[in-house]
Amino acid sequence: MFFTLNKECQIGIRFSKDVRKKYLEEYKMTIFKSYNAVMHGYILLRDDMLKDMNNMVRPLNKSYDYVIILESK
C-alpha cells in the first residue's frame, strides 16, 4: 500500500526513509497518524498539496516506485 486514508479523511503517503526525511524537513510535512497511532513510514499530505494535482504526481510516483520494490511478506 503506498497511500492510506484516516477517519479525518487525511491522506498518508509512504516513502523510503531518505525521501520521507526530505519531505518532513524541506516541505514541513508531518508524520501521518490514524486513530492516534503513528503510521511508521507514512507522512501526512498537506491540504495545499491536494489542491494542485500537478503537485501530487511526483510524490505519488515516488511512493509507488518505493513500494513496488519492497519484498512481500
C-alpha atoms as a PDB file:
ATOM      1  CA  MET A   1       0.000   0.000   0.000  1.00  0.00           C
ATOM      2  CA  PHE A   2       1.535   3.315  -0.969  1.00  0.00           C
ATOM      3  CA  PHE A   3      -1.103   5.637   0.457  1.00  0.00           C
ATOM      4  CA  THR A   4      -3.871   5.451   3.034  1.00  0.00           C
ATOM      5  CA  LEU A   5      -6.762   7.471   4.487  1.00  0.00           C
ATOM      6  CA  ASN A   6      -7.676   8.012   8.120  1.00  0.00           C
ATOM      7  CA  LYS A   7     -11.038   8.781   9.730  1.00  0.00           C
ATOM      8  CA  GLU A   8     -10.404  12.541   9.331  1.00  0.00           C
ATOM      9  CA  CYS A   9     -10.145  11.983   5.540  1.00  0.00           C
ATOM     10  CA  GLN A  10      -6.454  12.860   5.579  1.00  0.00           C
ATOM     11  CA  ILE A  11      -4.106  11.160   3.151  1.00  0.00           C
ATOM     12  CA  GLY A  12      -0.910   9.493   4.253  1.00  0.00           C
ATOM     13  CA  ILE A  13       1.705   8.556   1.690  1.00  0.00           C
ATOM     14  CA  ARG A  14       4.513   6.031   2.139  1.00  0.00           C
ATOM     15  CA  PHE A  15       8.153   6.807   1.343  1.00  0.00           C
ATOM     16  CA  SER A  16      11.609   5.400   1.939  1.00  0.00           C
ATOM     17  CA  LYS A  17      13.441   6.793   4.973  1.00  0.00           C
ATOM     18  CA  ASP A  18      15.558   9.179   2.897  1.00  0.00           C
ATOM     19  CA  VAL A  19      12.671  10.590   0.889  1.00  0.00           C
ATOM     20  CA  ARG A  20      10.474  10.804   3.990  1.00  0.00           C
ATOM     21  CA  LYS A  21      13.168  12.793   5.815  1.00  0.00           C
ATOM     22  CA  LYS A  22      13.444  15.192   2.855  1.00  0.00           C
ATOM     23  CA  TYR A  23       9.694  15.800   2.744  1.00  0.00           C
ATOM     24  CA  LEU A  24       9.483  16.274   6.504  1.00  0.00           C
ATOM     25  CA  GLU A  25      12.299  18.827   6.558  1.00  0.00           C
ATOM     26  CA  GLU A  26      12.072  20.569   3.204  1.00  0.00           C
ATOM     27  CA  TYR A  27       8.295  20.726   2.808  1.00  0.00           C
ATOM     28  CA  LYS A  28       7.484  20.935   6.532  1.00  0.00           C
ATOM     29  CA  MET A  29       5.190  17.937   6.442  1.00  0.00           C
ATOM     30  CA  THR A  30       4.327  15.797   9.459  1.00  0.00           C
ATOM     31  CA  ILE A  31       4.074  12.109  10.324  1.00  0.00           C
ATOM     32  CA  PHE A  32       0.743  10.509   9.413  1.00  0.00           C
ATOM     33  CA  LYS A  33      -1.493   9.297  12.233  1.00  0.00           C
ATOM     34  CA  SER A  34      -4.566   7.112  12.088  1.00  0.00           C
ATOM     35  CA  TYR A  35      -6.742   6.660  15.174  1.00  0.00           C
ATOM     36  CA  ASN A  36      -3.986   8.428  17.189  1.00  0.00           C
ATOM     37  CA  ALA A  37      -1.443   5.781  16.172  1.00  0.00           C
ATOM     38  CA  VAL A  38       1.680   6.829  14.301  1.00  0.00           C
ATOM     39  CA  MET A  39       1.832   5.123  10.923  1.00  0.00           C
ATOM     40  CA  HIS A  40       5.548   4.489  10.535  1.00  0.00           C
ATOM     41  CA  GLY A  41       6.750   5.123   7.020  1.00  0.00           C
ATOM     42  CA  TYR A  42       3.886   7.461   6.112  1.00  0.00           C
ATOM     43  CA  ILE A  43       3.695  11.258   6.041  1.00  0.00           C
ATOM     44  CA  LEU A  44       0.607  13.427   6.041  1.00  0.00           C
ATOM     45  CA  LEU A  45      -0.094  15.254   2.801  1.00  0.00           C
ATOM     46  CA  ARG A  46      -0.921  18.887   3.361  1.00  0.00           C
ATOM     47  CA  ASP A  47      -4.177  20.340   2.083  1.00  0.00           C
ATOM     48  CA  ASP A  48      -2.382  22.811  -0.181  1.00  0.00           C
ATOM     49  CA  MET A  49      -0.678  19.896  -1.964  1.00  0.00           C
ATOM     50  CA  LEU A  50      -4.031  18.227  -2.517  1.00  0.00           C
ATOM     51  CA  LYS A  51      -5.458  21.309  -4.224  1.00  0.00           C
ATOM     52  CA  ASP A  52      -2.886  21.238  -7.022  1.00  0.00           C
ATOM     53  CA  MET A  53      -2.908  17.917  -8.862  1.00  0.00           C
ATOM     54  CA  ASN A  54       0.405  18.746 -10.552  1.00  0.00           C
ATOM     55  CA  ASN A  55       1.977  18.774  -7.059  1.00  0.00           C
ATOM     56  CA  MET A  56       0.558  15.315  -6.371  1.00  0.00           C
ATOM     57  CA  VAL A  57       2.041  13.466  -9.341  1.00  0.00           C
ATOM     58  CA  ARG A  58       5.678  13.484  -8.205  1.00  0.00           C
ATOM     59  CA  PRO A  59       5.084  12.304  -4.594  1.00  0.00           C
ATOM     60  CA  LEU A  60       2.651   9.594  -5.698  1.00  0.00           C
ATOM     61  CA  ASN A  61       5.105   8.314  -8.299  1.00  0.00           C
ATOM     62  CA  LYS A  62       7.949   8.280  -5.757  1.00  0.00           C
ATOM     63  CA  SER A  63       5.784   6.433  -3.271  1.00  0.00           C
ATOM     64  CA  TYR A  64       4.636   3.877  -5.822  1.00  0.00           C
ATOM     65  CA  ASP A  65       8.201   3.297  -7.050  1.00  0.00           C
ATOM     66  CA  TYR A  66       9.326   2.698  -3.456  1.00  0.00           C
ATOM     67  CA  VAL A  67       6.531   0.284  -2.583  1.00  0.00           C
ATOM     68  CA  ILE A  68       6.883  -1.715  -5.800  1.00  0.00           C
ATOM     69  CA  ILE A  69      10.458  -2.716  -4.883  1.00  0.00           C
ATOM     70  CA  LEU A  70       9.560  -3.904  -1.360  1.00  0.00           C
ATOM     71  CA  GLU A  71       9.544  -7.631  -0.804  1.00  0.00           C
ATOM     72  CA  SER A  72       6.198  -9.146   0.094  1.00  0.00           C
ATOM     73  CA  LYS A  73       5.924 -10.899   3.436  1.00  0.00           C
END
